[in-house]
Amino acid sequence: MLDRAVYLHKAIDAFIDSEDMDRFKLSKKEWDQAEYLLDVLMPFMKCSIRLEQTRRPGIEKVFWVYENLFNELDRVSTILDRRENRDVTWVEELKPALNALAEKLRKYYKATEGPYVYPNGVIFQPRGKLVLFEQQSWDKEDIERYSNACRGRYISQYESVADHPIVRTQPSCKRSAAAMEDDEYETMLLNLTTREQMNEYDRYIQSPRVTYDVDVLDWWRQHADQYPNLSRMVRDTLAVPATGAGVERQFSLSGRVATSVRSRLSTATVSNIMMYKNFLTRQKRELKDWGCSGMGIGEDTNMELESDVPKEWRDQWWVGRKGLRRLG
């Protein structure tokens, strides 16, 4: 709602003036505070929208989202610390809140150190692979640590458990015994061993990164024959939701289907109603209203909260705030 208030700033002031309600009118200081708070919170809103989707994977974005949020907090904190903003009286009032917000974010970020699904999700994005861990914000040891852990988990849990045995053939390299010296023979065996150790994970990591826009699931579906075992690990990894927001939304929807006047609906019926509504949404088909037949799917089941703030205004406002240096 905060972005709606900022968007309607002039309209709200005009309405209050016309209705002679000066006691409700916000001062310039309060409007400046509202815009700054929106500046702080908008990155969190954008990241939440990215991660709460249930129609496509989002686990591969978690590390990037955290890094983006930390960068945004640094940006808004730097604005408060600038010399030209020291005379703004409410700056000191917001600093404790920003510090608490950053501390809470660090607390949740530390929780990603244990589960392996977060770095694996990044690695299994064919457009990025290990590139994110090569950025300056990461330690040099992170690449090797995350890659080795992912490779070891693939070898121990997926490589030796194939749905169908894969037969690997090597071209014949017969040579006469007289022509083959012992040192040459040992070299040949060493080379064969090296090639044998090149598993699906190694081939995937060493292959060039994808340079075109493609859905991560579509890419792995297209390359399942090339990486049959690794693709099973990818499916298990990307199936993990980045947040529980999508699941919680479904619970909220179920409560609107099984209302007080429809309390005798079985759990199977409620589930079928929700699945049918979800199917229609994915097919971009409208649900026909049967009026008073009692055959609807619930009261106000559209839980997607659509903001009436134009996206163009929000994007333009956000770009302008990116270059903000002075408050007020």
C-alpha atoms as a PDB file:
ATOM      1  CA  MET A   1       0.000   0.000   0.000  1.00  0.00           C
ATOM      2  CA  LEU A   2       2.934   2.337   0.550  1.00  0.00           C
ATOM      3  CA  ASP A   3       3.693   2.601  -3.163  1.00  0.00           C
ATOM      4  CA  ARG A   4       0.043   3.435  -3.809  1.00  0.00           C
ATOM      5  CA  ALA A   5       0.184   6.259  -1.275  1.00  0.00           C
ATOM      6  CA  VAL A   6       3.356   7.697  -2.824  1.00  0.00           C
ATOM      7  CA  TYR A   7       1.850   7.366  -6.310  1.00  0.00           C
ATOM      8  CA  LEU A   8      -1.296   9.231  -5.179  1.00  0.00           C
ATOM      9  CA  HIS A   9       0.643  11.813  -3.159  1.00  0.00           C
ATOM     10  CA  LYS A  10      -0.716  14.862  -5.003  1.00  0.00           C
ATOM     11  CA  ALA A  11      -4.227  13.445  -5.236  1.00  0.00           C
ATOM     12  CA  ILE A  12      -4.312  12.712  -1.499  1.00  0.00           C
ATOM     13  CA  ASP A  13      -3.165  16.236  -0.616  1.00  0.00           C
ATOM     14  CA  ALA A  14      -5.702  17.749  -3.019  1.00  0.00           C
ATOM     15  CA  PHE A  15      -8.534  15.681  -1.533  1.00  0.00           C
ATOM     16  CA  ILE A  16      -7.610  16.601   2.048  1.00  0.00           C
ATOM     17  CA  ASP A  17      -7.451  20.294   1.115  1.00  0.00           C
ATOM     18  CA  SER A  18     -10.830  20.170  -0.625  1.00  0.00           C
ATOM     19  CA  GLU A  19     -12.500  18.432   2.330  1.00  0.00           C
ATOM     20  CA  ASP A  20     -10.951  20.726   4.939  1.00  0.00           C
ATOM     21  CA  MET A  21      -9.225  17.860   6.796  1.00  0.00           C
ATOM     22  CA  ASP A  22      -5.898  19.496   7.526  1.00  0.00           C
ATOM     23  CA  ARG A  23      -5.422  17.436  10.670  1.00  0.00           C
ATOM     24  CA  PHE A  24      -4.952  14.354   8.442  1.00  0.00           C
ATOM     25  CA  LYS A  25      -2.518  15.990   6.043  1.00  0.00           C
ATOM     26  CA  LEU A  26       1.008  14.629   6.046  1.00  0.00           C
ATOM     27  CA  SER A  27       3.874  17.063   6.345  1.00  0.00           C
ATOM     28  CA  LYS A  28       6.768  17.198   3.873  1.00  0.00           C
ATOM     29  CA  LYS A  29       8.933  15.378   6.415  1.00  0.00           C
ATOM     30  CA  GLU A  30       6.396  12.561   6.645  1.00  0.00           C
ATOM     31  CA  TRP A  31       6.139  12.246   2.856  1.00  0.00           C
ATOM     32  CA  ASP A  32       9.951  12.177   2.611  1.00  0.00           C
ATOM     33  CA  GLN A  33       9.986   9.409   5.191  1.00  0.00           C
ATOM     34  CA  ALA A  34       7.339   7.479   3.268  1.00  0.00           C
ATOM     35  CA  GLU A  35       9.352   7.681   0.050  1.00  0.00           C
ATOM     36  CA  TYR A  36      12.518   6.603   1.813  1.00  0.00           C
ATOM     37  CA  LEU A  37      10.718   3.643   3.432  1.00  0.00           C
ATOM     38  CA  LEU A  38       9.387   2.657   0.032  1.00  0.00           C
ATOM     39  CA  ASP A  39      12.948   2.900  -1.276  1.00  0.00           C
ATOM     40  CA  VAL A  40      14.027   0.440   1.424  1.00  0.00           C
ATOM     41  CA  LEU A  41      11.126  -1.978   1.052  1.00  0.00           C
ATOM     42  CA  MET A  42      10.672  -2.102  -2.719  1.00  0.00           C
ATOM     43  CA  PRO A  43      13.682  -4.433  -3.308  1.00  0.00           C
ATOM     44  CA  PHE A  44      12.176  -6.845  -0.785  1.00  0.00           C
ATOM     45  CA  MET A  45       8.854  -6.729  -2.617  1.00  0.00           C
ATOM     46  CA  LYS A  46      10.545  -7.420  -5.962  1.00  0.00           C
ATOM     47  CA  CYS A  47      12.529 -10.325  -4.535  1.00  0.00           C
ATOM     48  CA  SER A  48       9.466 -11.791  -2.829  1.00  0.00           C
ATOM     49  CA  ILE A  49       7.583 -11.801  -6.115  1.00  0.00           C
ATOM     50  CA  ARG A  50      10.496 -13.592  -7.789  1.00  0.00           C
ATOM     51  CA  LEU A  51      10.754 -16.326  -5.171  1.00  0.00           C
ATOM     52  CA  GLU A  52       7.115 -17.002  -4.301  1.00  0.00           C
ATOM     53  CA  GLN A  53       6.202 -18.240  -7.777  1.00  0.00           C
ATOM     54  CA  THR A  54       4.921 -21.808  -7.930  1.00  0.00           C
ATOM     55  CA  ARG A  55       4.897 -22.265 -11.701  1.00  0.00           C
ATOM     56  CA  ARG A  56       8.649 -22.420 -12.197  1.00  0.00           C
ATOM     57  CA  PRO A  57      11.763 -23.061 -10.106  1.00  0.00           C
ATOM     58  CA  GLY A  58      13.126 -20.301  -7.914  1.00  0.00           C
ATOM     59  CA  ILE A  59      15.742 -22.023  -5.775  1.00  0.00           C
ATOM     60  CA  GLU A  60      18.527 -21.034  -8.196  1.00  0.00           C
ATOM     61  CA  LYS A  61      17.836 -17.338  -7.480  1.00  0.00           C
ATOM     62  CA  VAL A  62      18.152 -17.434  -3.672  1.00  0.00           C
ATOM     63  CA  PHE A  63      21.854 -16.544  -3.409  1.00  0.00           C
ATOM     64  CA  TRP A  64      21.489 -13.791  -5.998  1.00  0.00           C
ATOM     65  CA  VAL A  65      18.444 -12.397  -4.175  1.00  0.00           C
ATOM     66  CA  TYR A  66      20.329 -12.219  -0.883  1.00  0.00           C
ATOM     67  CA  GLU A  67      23.267 -10.507  -2.550  1.00  0.00           C
ATOM     68  CA  ASN A  68      20.932  -8.016  -4.206  1.00  0.00           C
ATOM     69  CA  LEU A  69      19.193  -7.219  -0.922  1.00  0.00           C
ATOM     70  CA  PHE A  70      22.482  -6.671   0.903  1.00  0.00           C
ATOM     71  CA  ASN A  71      23.593  -4.316  -1.885  1.00  0.00           C
ATOM     72  CA  GLU A  72      20.349  -2.350  -1.649  1.00  0.00           C
ATOM     73  CA  LEU A  73      20.644  -2.024   2.129  1.00  0.00           C
ATOM     74  CA  ASP A  74      24.180  -0.729   1.682  1.00  0.00           C
ATOM     75  CA  ARG A  75      22.889   1.807  -0.844  1.00  0.00           C
ATOM     76  CA  VAL A  76      20.117   3.210   1.338  1.00  0.00           C
ATOM     77  CA  SER A  77      22.422   3.249   4.381  1.00  0.00           C
ATOM     78  CA  THR A  78      25.018   5.195   2.407  1.00  0.00           C
ATOM     79  CA  ILE A  79      22.374   7.819   1.592  1.00  0.00           C
ATOM     80  CA  LEU A  80      21.763   8.388   5.293  1.00  0.00           C
ATOM     81  CA  ASP A  81      25.486   8.739   6.005  1.00  0.00           C
ATOM     82  CA  ARG A  82      26.134  11.363   3.336  1.00  0.00           C
ATOM     83  CA  ARG A  83      27.242  14.776   4.621  1.00  0.00           C
ATOM     84  CA  GLU A  84      24.438  16.667   2.886  1.00  0.00           C
ATOM     85  CA  ASN A  85      21.841  14.569   4.740  1.00  0.00           C
ATOM     86  CA  ARG A  86      23.157  15.142   8.238  1.00  0.00           C
ATOM     87  CA  ASP A  87      20.777  18.067   8.725  1.00  0.00           C
ATOM     88  CA  VAL A  88      17.743  15.861   8.020  1.00  0.00           C
ATOM     89  CA  THR A  89      16.224  15.418  11.470  1.00  0.00           C
ATOM     90  CA  TRP A  90      14.618  12.018  10.953  1.00  0.00           C
ATOM     91  CA  VAL A  91      17.751  10.275   9.661  1.00  0.00           C
ATOM     92  CA  GLU A  92      18.863   9.165  13.117  1.00  0.00           C
ATOM     93  CA  GLU A  93      15.378   7.795  13.784  1.00  0.00           C
ATOM     94  CA  LEU A  94      15.648   5.320  10.905  1.00  0.00           C
ATOM     95  CA  LYS A  95      19.202   4.075  11.429  1.00  0.00           C
ATOM     96  CA  PRO A  96      18.301   1.601  14.218  1.00  0.00           C
ATOM     97  CA  ALA A  97      15.557   0.130  12.029  1.00  0.00           C
ATOM     98  CA  LEU A  98      17.947  -0.319   9.103  1.00  0.00           C
ATOM     99  CA  ASN A  99      20.532  -1.959  11.344  1.00  0.00           C
ATOM    100  CA  ALA A 100      17.910  -4.356  12.708  1.00  0.00           C
ATOM    101  CA  LEU A 101      16.749  -5.143   9.168  1.00  0.00           C
ATOM    102  CA  ALA A 102      20.303  -5.932   8.038  1.00  0.00           C
ATOM    103  CA  GLU A 103      20.883  -8.114  11.103  1.00  0.00           C
ATOM    104  CA  LYS A 104      17.700 -10.079  10.451  1.00  0.00           C
ATOM    105  CA  LEU A 105      18.710 -10.569   6.817  1.00  0.00           C
ATOM    106  CA  ARG A 106      22.140 -11.855   7.874  1.00  0.00           C
ATOM    107  CA  LYS A 107      20.473 -14.283  10.265  1.00  0.00           C
ATOM    108  CA  TYR A 108      18.417 -15.860   7.490  1.00  0.00           C
ATOM    109  CA  TYR A 109      21.347 -15.797   5.086  1.00  0.00           C
ATOM    110  CA  LYS A 110      23.451 -17.849   7.491  1.00  0.00           C
ATOM    111  CA  ALA A 111      20.734 -20.497   7.402  1.00  0.00           C
ATOM    112  CA  THR A 112      21.636 -21.200   3.742  1.00  0.00           C
ATOM    113  CA  GLU A 113      25.072 -22.512   4.707  1.00  0.00           C
ATOM    114  CA  GLY A 114      23.760 -25.932   5.707  1.00  0.00           C
ATOM    115  CA  PRO A 115      21.329 -27.044   2.972  1.00  0.00           C
ATOM    116  CA  TYR A 116      23.180 -27.983  -0.218  1.00  0.00           C
ATOM    117  CA  VAL A 117      20.154 -27.236  -2.393  1.00  0.00           C
ATOM    118  CA  TYR A 118      20.962 -23.508  -2.628  1.00  0.00           C
ATOM    119  CA  PRO A 119      24.444 -23.730  -4.219  1.00  0.00           C
ATOM    120  CA  ASN A 120      23.344 -26.717  -6.302  1.00  0.00           C
ATOM    121  CA  GLY A 121      20.451 -24.678  -7.674  1.00  0.00           C
ATOM    122  CA  VAL A 122      22.902 -21.974  -8.770  1.00  0.00           C
ATOM    123  CA  ILE A 123      25.231 -24.513 -10.407  1.00  0.00           C
ATOM    124  CA  PHE A 124      22.400 -26.204 -12.302  1.00  0.00           C
ATOM    125  CA  GLN A 125      21.408 -22.950 -14.012  1.00  0.00           C
ATOM    126  CA  PRO A 126      23.078 -23.519 -17.435  1.00  0.00           C
ATOM    127  CA  ARG A 127      23.350 -19.777 -18.084  1.00  0.00           C
ATOM    128  CA  GLY A 128      25.376 -19.194 -14.932  1.00  0.00           C
ATOM    129  CA  LYS A 129      26.883 -22.387 -13.488  1.00  0.00           C
ATOM    130  CA  LEU A 130      29.766 -21.223 -11.258  1.00  0.00           C
ATOM    131  CA  VAL A 131      29.918 -17.618 -12.466  1.00  0.00           C
ATOM    132  CA  LEU A 132      28.033 -16.187  -9.472  1.00  0.00           C
ATOM    133  CA  PHE A 133      30.687 -17.555  -7.104  1.00  0.00           C
ATOM    134  CA  GLU A 134      33.402 -15.818  -9.138  1.00  0.00           C
ATOM    135  CA  GLN A 135      32.131 -12.347  -8.210  1.00  0.00           C
ATOM    136  CA  GLN A 136      34.094 -10.156  -5.810  1.00  0.00           C
ATOM    137  CA  SER A 137      31.546 -10.587  -3.038  1.00  0.00           C
ATOM    138  CA  TRP A 138      32.437 -14.298  -2.778  1.00  0.00           C
ATOM    139  CA  ASP A 139      35.555 -15.901  -1.347  1.00  0.00           C
ATOM    140  CA  LYS A 140      37.925 -17.647  -3.746  1.00  0.00           C
ATOM    141  CA  GLU A 141      37.402 -20.953  -1.922  1.00  0.00           C
ATOM    142  CA  ASP A 142      33.640 -20.893  -2.513  1.00  0.00           C
ATOM    143  CA  ILE A 143      33.835 -22.080  -6.116  1.00  0.00           C
ATOM    144  CA  GLU A 144      35.854 -25.181  -5.309  1.00  0.00           C
ATOM    145  CA  ARG A 145      33.934 -25.906  -2.120  1.00  0.00           C
ATOM    146  CA  TYR A 146      30.470 -25.702  -3.677  1.00  0.00           C
ATOM    147  CA  SER A 147      31.481 -27.467  -6.888  1.00  0.00           C
ATOM    148  CA  ASN A 148      33.227 -30.336  -5.089  1.00  0.00           C
ATOM    149  CA  ALA A 149      30.268 -30.787  -2.746  1.00  0.00           C
ATOM    150  CA  CYS A 150      27.828 -30.898  -5.662  1.00  0.00           C
ATOM    151  CA  ARG A 151      30.044 -33.299  -7.602  1.00  0.00           C
ATOM    152  CA  GLY A 152      30.481 -35.592  -4.600  1.00  0.00           C
ATOM    153  CA  ARG A 153      26.744 -35.704  -3.970  1.00  0.00           C
ATOM    154  CA  TYR A 154      26.116 -36.542  -7.618  1.00  0.00           C
ATOM    155  CA  ILE A 155      28.642 -39.400  -7.553  1.00  0.00           C
ATOM    156  CA  SER A 156      27.384 -40.875  -4.280  1.00  0.00           C
ATOM    157  CA  GLN A 157      23.642 -40.573  -4.864  1.00  0.00           C
ATOM    158  CA  TYR A 158      22.980 -40.447  -8.604  1.00  0.00           C
ATOM    159  CA  GLU A 159      25.841 -41.666 -10.774  1.00  0.00           C
ATOM    160  CA  SER A 160      25.677 -45.290  -9.616  1.00  0.00           C
ATOM    161  CA  VAL A 161      21.871 -45.433  -9.583  1.00  0.00           C
ATOM    162  CA  ALA A 162      20.857 -45.170 -13.221  1.00  0.00           C
ATOM    163  CA  ASP A 163      17.424 -46.048 -14.563  1.00  0.00           C
ATOM    164  CA  HIS A 164      19.047 -47.786 -17.511  1.00  0.00           C
ATOM    165  CA  PRO A 165      22.644 -48.955 -17.702  1.00  0.00           C
ATOM    166  CA  ILE A 166      24.731 -46.806 -19.991  1.00  0.00           C
ATOM    167  CA  VAL A 167      27.180 -48.731 -22.143  1.00  0.00           C
ATOM    168  CA  ARG A 168      30.367 -46.831 -22.875  1.00  0.00           C
ATOM    169  CA  THR A 169      32.482 -48.099 -25.705  1.00  0.00           C
ATOM    170  CA  GLN A 170      36.047 -47.141 -26.457  1.00  0.00           C
ATOM    171  CA  PRO A 171      37.582 -47.252 -29.932  1.00  0.00           C
ATOM    172  CA  SER A 172      40.023 -50.098 -30.455  1.00  0.00           C
ATOM    173  CA  CYS A 173      43.669 -49.150 -30.074  1.00  0.00           C
ATOM    174  CA  LYS A 174      45.365 -52.522 -30.756  1.00  0.00           C
ATOM    175  CA  ARG A 175      49.070 -52.328 -31.277  1.00  0.00           C
ATOM    176  CA  SER A 176      51.703 -54.982 -31.665  1.00  0.00           C
ATOM    177  CA  ALA A 177      53.458 -56.024 -28.462  1.00  0.00           C
ATOM    178  CA  ALA A 178      56.840 -55.276 -29.967  1.00  0.00           C
ATOM    179  CA  ALA A 179      55.864 -51.714 -30.782  1.00  0.00           C
ATOM    180  CA  MET A 180      54.582 -50.936 -27.316  1.00  0.00           C
ATOM    181  CA  GLU A 181      57.128 -50.050 -24.632  1.00  0.00           C
ATOM    182  CA  ASP A 182      56.300 -50.327 -20.938  1.00  0.00           C
ATOM    183  CA  ASP A 183      56.299 -46.571 -20.398  1.00  0.00           C
ATOM    184  CA  GLU A 184      53.993 -46.056 -23.357  1.00  0.00           C
ATOM    185  CA  TYR A 185      51.664 -48.726 -22.023  1.00  0.00           C
ATOM    186  CA  GLU A 186      51.489 -47.044 -18.621  1.00  0.00           C
ATOM    187  CA  THR A 187      50.776 -43.714 -20.293  1.00  0.00           C
ATOM    188  CA  MET A 188      47.956 -45.270 -22.279  1.00  0.00           C
ATOM    189  CA  LEU A 189      46.413 -46.727 -19.108  1.00  0.00           C
ATOM    190  CA  LEU A 190      46.714 -43.362 -17.368  1.00  0.00           C
ATOM    191  CA  ASN A 191      44.919 -41.630 -20.218  1.00  0.00           C
ATOM    192  CA  LEU A 192      42.130 -44.195 -20.183  1.00  0.00           C
ATOM    193  CA  THR A 193      41.669 -43.669 -16.447  1.00  0.00           C
ATOM    194  CA  THR A 194      41.499 -39.905 -16.893  1.00  0.00           C
ATOM    195  CA  ARG A 195      38.799 -40.210 -19.527  1.00  0.00           C
ATOM    196  CA  GLU A 196      36.852 -42.623 -17.341  1.00  0.00           C
ATOM    197  CA  GLN A 197      36.785 -40.094 -14.504  1.00  0.00           C
ATOM    198  CA  MET A 198      35.086 -37.507 -16.715  1.00  0.00           C
ATOM    199  CA  ASN A 199      31.509 -38.019 -15.519  1.00  0.00           C
ATOM    200  CA  GLU A 200      28.326 -36.168 -16.454  1.00  0.00           C
ATOM    201  CA  TYR A 201      28.877 -33.453 -13.867  1.00  0.00           C
ATOM    202  CA  ASP A 202      32.396 -32.739 -15.165  1.00  0.00           C
ATOM    203  CA  ARG A 203      31.191 -32.604 -18.747  1.00  0.00           C
ATOM    204  CA  TYR A 204      28.384 -30.232 -17.779  1.00  0.00           C
ATOM    205  CA  ILE A 205      30.676 -27.874 -15.848  1.00  0.00           C
ATOM    206  CA  GLN A 206      33.335 -27.832 -18.582  1.00  0.00           C
ATOM    207  CA  SER A 207      30.851 -27.224 -21.385  1.00  0.00           C
ATOM    208  CA  PRO A 208      30.292 -23.583 -22.462  1.00  0.00           C
ATOM    209  CA  ARG A 209      27.626 -21.634 -20.622  1.00  0.00           C
ATOM    210  CA  VAL A 210      24.319 -21.125 -22.407  1.00  0.00           C
ATOM    211  CA  THR A 211      24.188 -17.640 -23.918  1.00  0.00           C
ATOM    212  CA  TYR A 212      20.528 -17.506 -24.963  1.00  0.00           C
ATOM    213  CA  ASP A 213      17.388 -17.036 -22.884  1.00  0.00           C
ATOM    214  CA  VAL A 214      15.896 -20.410 -21.985  1.00  0.00           C
ATOM    215  CA  ASP A 215      13.872 -21.776 -19.099  1.00  0.00           C
ATOM    216  CA  VAL A 216      16.079 -23.882 -16.850  1.00  0.00           C
ATOM    217  CA  LEU A 217      13.633 -26.814 -16.835  1.00  0.00           C
ATOM    218  CA  ASP A 218      13.253 -26.709 -20.600  1.00  0.00           C
ATOM    219  CA  TRP A 219      17.037 -26.805 -21.063  1.00  0.00           C
ATOM    220  CA  TRP A 220      17.480 -29.841 -18.848  1.00  0.00           C
ATOM    221  CA  ARG A 221      14.543 -31.565 -20.494  1.00  0.00           C
ATOM    222  CA  GLN A 222      16.172 -31.042 -23.885  1.00  0.00           C
ATOM    223  CA  HIS A 223      19.540 -32.348 -22.630  1.00  0.00           C
ATOM    224  CA  ALA A 224      18.267 -35.271 -20.548  1.00  0.00           C
ATOM    225  CA  ASP A 225      19.740 -37.778 -23.004  1.00  0.00           C
ATOM    226  CA  GLN A 226      23.130 -36.090 -22.738  1.00  0.00           C
ATOM    227  CA  TYR A 227      23.039 -35.996 -18.924  1.00  0.00           C
ATOM    228  CA  PRO A 228      20.611 -38.791 -17.916  1.00  0.00           C
ATOM    229  CA  ASN A 229      21.809 -39.203 -14.320  1.00  0.00           C
ATOM    230  CA  LEU A 230      22.642 -35.575 -13.638  1.00  0.00           C
ATOM    231  CA  SER A 231      19.265 -34.451 -14.939  1.00  0.00           C
ATOM    232  CA  ARG A 232      17.578 -36.570 -12.243  1.00  0.00           C
ATOM    233  CA  MET A 233      19.601 -34.733  -9.609  1.00  0.00           C
ATOM    234  CA  VAL A 234      18.589 -31.430 -11.201  1.00  0.00           C
ATOM    235  CA  ARG A 235      14.903 -32.349 -11.042  1.00  0.00           C
ATOM    236  CA  ASP A 236      15.206 -33.201  -7.353  1.00  0.00           C
ATOM    237  CA  THR A 237      17.017 -29.913  -6.678  1.00  0.00           C
ATOM    238  CA  LEU A 238      14.804 -27.532  -8.637  1.00  0.00           C
ATOM    239  CA  ALA A 239      11.657 -29.126  -7.214  1.00  0.00           C
ATOM    240  CA  VAL A 240      12.455 -27.533  -3.834  1.00  0.00           C
ATOM    241  CA  PRO A 241      10.455 -24.299  -3.455  1.00  0.00           C
ATOM    242  CA  ALA A 242      12.469 -21.201  -2.621  1.00  0.00           C
ATOM    243  CA  THR A 243       9.862 -20.073  -0.087  1.00  0.00           C
ATOM    244  CA  GLY A 244       6.713 -21.415   1.513  1.00  0.00           C
ATOM    245  CA  ALA A 245       4.625 -18.471   0.298  1.00  0.00           C
ATOM    246  CA  GLY A 246       3.100 -20.433  -2.573  1.00  0.00           C
ATOM    247  CA  VAL A 247       2.028 -23.280  -0.281  1.00  0.00           C
ATOM    248  CA  GLU A 248       0.620 -20.861   2.283  1.00  0.00           C
ATOM    249  CA  ARG A 249      -1.381 -19.183  -0.464  1.00  0.00           C
ATOM    250  CA  GLN A 250      -2.957 -22.520  -1.343  1.00  0.00           C
ATOM    251  CA  PHE A 251      -3.999 -23.022   2.276  1.00  0.00           C
ATOM    252  CA  SER A 252      -5.618 -19.585   2.198  1.00  0.00           C
ATOM    253  CA  LEU A 253      -7.441 -20.520  -0.995  1.00  0.00           C
ATOM    254  CA  SER A 254      -8.729 -23.739   0.555  1.00  0.00           C
ATOM    255  CA  GLY A 255     -10.286 -21.738   3.368  1.00  0.00           C
ATOM    256  CA  ARG A 256     -12.197 -19.662   0.829  1.00  0.00           C
ATOM    257  CA  VAL A 257     -13.436 -22.766  -0.959  1.00  0.00           C
ATOM    258  CA  ALA A 258     -14.592 -24.603   2.171  1.00  0.00           C
ATOM    259  CA  THR A 259     -16.665 -21.757   3.611  1.00  0.00           C
ATOM    260  CA  SER A 260     -19.103 -21.946   6.518  1.00  0.00           C
ATOM    261  CA  VAL A 261     -21.997 -22.652   4.143  1.00  0.00           C
ATOM    262  CA  ARG A 262     -20.039 -25.435   2.415  1.00  0.00           C
ATOM    263  CA  SER A 263     -18.619 -27.149   5.467  1.00  0.00           C
ATOM    264  CA  ARG A 264     -19.591 -30.652   4.287  1.00  0.00           C
ATOM    265  CA  LEU A 265     -17.182 -30.617   1.339  1.00  0.00           C
ATOM    266  CA  SER A 266     -14.717 -33.474   1.591  1.00  0.00           C
ATOM    267  CA  THR A 267     -10.979 -32.844   1.432  1.00  0.00           C
ATOM    268  CA  ALA A 268     -10.868 -34.590  -1.952  1.00  0.00           C
ATOM    269  CA  THR A 269     -13.545 -32.269  -3.351  1.00  0.00           C
ATOM    270  CA  VAL A 270     -11.784 -29.166  -2.056  1.00  0.00           C
ATOM    271  CA  SER A 271      -8.540 -30.407  -3.588  1.00  0.00           C
ATOM    272  CA  ASN A 272     -10.200 -31.099  -6.946  1.00  0.00           C
ATOM    273  CA  ILE A 273     -11.824 -27.656  -6.992  1.00  0.00           C
ATOM    274  CA  MET A 274      -8.500 -25.956  -6.324  1.00  0.00           C
ATOM    275  CA  MET A 275      -6.689 -28.060  -8.930  1.00  0.00           C
ATOM    276  CA  TYR A 276      -9.359 -27.269 -11.522  1.00  0.00           C
ATOM    277  CA  LYS A 277      -9.126 -23.541 -10.816  1.00  0.00           C
ATOM    278  CA  ASN A 278      -5.334 -23.742 -11.070  1.00  0.00           C
ATOM    279  CA  PHE A 279      -5.643 -25.606 -14.376  1.00  0.00           C
ATOM    280  CA  LEU A 280      -7.908 -22.918 -15.816  1.00  0.00           C
ATOM    281  CA  THR A 281      -5.492 -20.220 -14.696  1.00  0.00           C
ATOM    282  CA  ARG A 282      -2.549 -21.961 -16.374  1.00  0.00           C
ATOM    283  CA  GLN A 283      -4.589 -22.377 -19.548  1.00  0.00           C
ATOM    284  CA  LYS A 284      -5.584 -18.683 -19.362  1.00  0.00           C
ATOM    285  CA  ARG A 285      -9.231 -19.628 -19.433  1.00  0.00           C
ATOM    286  CA  GLU A 286     -11.953 -17.872 -17.459  1.00  0.00           C
ATOM    287  CA  LEU A 287     -14.062 -19.692 -14.911  1.00  0.00           C
ATOM    288  CA  LYS A 288     -17.758 -19.532 -15.739  1.00  0.00           C
ATOM    289  CA  ASP A 289     -19.933 -18.275 -12.906  1.00  0.00           C
ATOM    290  CA  TRP A 290     -22.958 -20.512 -12.400  1.00  0.00           C
ATOM    291  CA  GLY A 291     -24.785 -17.906 -10.379  1.00  0.00           C
ATOM    292  CA  CYS A 292     -26.824 -19.221  -7.456  1.00  0.00           C
ATOM    293  CA  SER A 293     -26.372 -22.867  -8.440  1.00  0.00           C
ATOM    294  CA  GLY A 294     -24.017 -23.406  -5.530  1.00  0.00           C
ATOM    295  CA  MET A 295     -21.459 -24.907  -7.893  1.00  0.00           C
ATOM    296  CA  GLY A 296     -18.891 -22.119  -7.700  1.00  0.00           C
ATOM    297  CA  ILE A 297     -15.402 -22.681  -6.407  1.00  0.00           C
ATOM    298  CA  GLY A 298     -15.588 -20.347  -3.450  1.00  0.00           C
ATOM    299  CA  GLU A 299     -15.924 -16.766  -2.377  1.00  0.00           C
ATOM    300  CA  ASP A 300     -13.482 -14.361  -3.916  1.00  0.00           C
ATOM    301  CA  THR A 301     -10.906 -17.037  -4.739  1.00  0.00           C
ATOM    302  CA  ASN A 302      -8.663 -14.651  -6.605  1.00  0.00           C
ATOM    303  CA  MET A 303      -5.974 -14.172  -3.984  1.00  0.00           C
ATOM    304  CA  GLU A 304      -3.508 -12.466  -6.289  1.00  0.00           C
ATOM    305  CA  LEU A 305      -3.276  -8.955  -4.918  1.00  0.00           C
ATOM    306  CA  GLU A 306      -2.945  -6.718  -7.923  1.00  0.00           C
ATOM    307  CA  SER A 307      -1.681  -3.223  -7.217  1.00  0.00           C
ATOM    308  CA  ASP A 308      -3.364  -0.464  -9.191  1.00  0.00           C
ATOM    309  CA  VAL A 309      -0.068   1.427  -9.337  1.00  0.00           C
ATOM    310  CA  PRO A 310       1.052   1.507 -12.995  1.00  0.00           C
ATOM    311  CA  LYS A 311       4.174  -0.536 -13.573  1.00  0.00           C
ATOM    312  CA  GLU A 312       5.605   2.241 -15.747  1.00  0.00           C
ATOM    313  CA  TRP A 313       5.368   4.726 -12.870  1.00  0.00           C
ATOM    314  CA  ARG A 314       6.880   2.278 -10.400  1.00  0.00           C
ATOM    315  CA  ASP A 315       9.815   1.500 -12.703  1.00  0.00           C
ATOM    316  CA  GLN A 316      10.437   5.174 -13.453  1.00  0.00           C
ATOM    317  CA  TRP A 317      10.245   6.103  -9.771  1.00  0.00           C
ATOM    318  CA  TRP A 318      12.658   3.282  -8.888  1.00  0.00           C
ATOM    319  CA  VAL A 319      15.189   4.405 -11.498  1.00  0.00           C
ATOM    320  CA  GLY A 320      15.041   7.923 -10.108  1.00  0.00           C
ATOM    321  CA  ARG A 321      15.630   6.710  -6.558  1.00  0.00           C
ATOM    322  CA  LYS A 322      18.697   4.748  -7.688  1.00  0.00           C
ATOM    323  CA  GLY A 323      20.522   8.010  -8.289  1.00  0.00           C
ATOM    324  CA  LEU A 324      19.272   9.695  -5.117  1.00  0.00           C
ATOM    325  CA  ARG A 325      21.958  11.421  -3.078  1.00  0.00           C
ATOM    326  CA  ARG A 326      20.123  13.986  -0.983  1.00  0.00           C
ATOM    327  CA  LEU A 327      17.004  13.450   1.115  1.00  0.00           C
ATOM    328  CA  GLY A 328      14.217  15.994   1.263  1.00  0.00           C
END
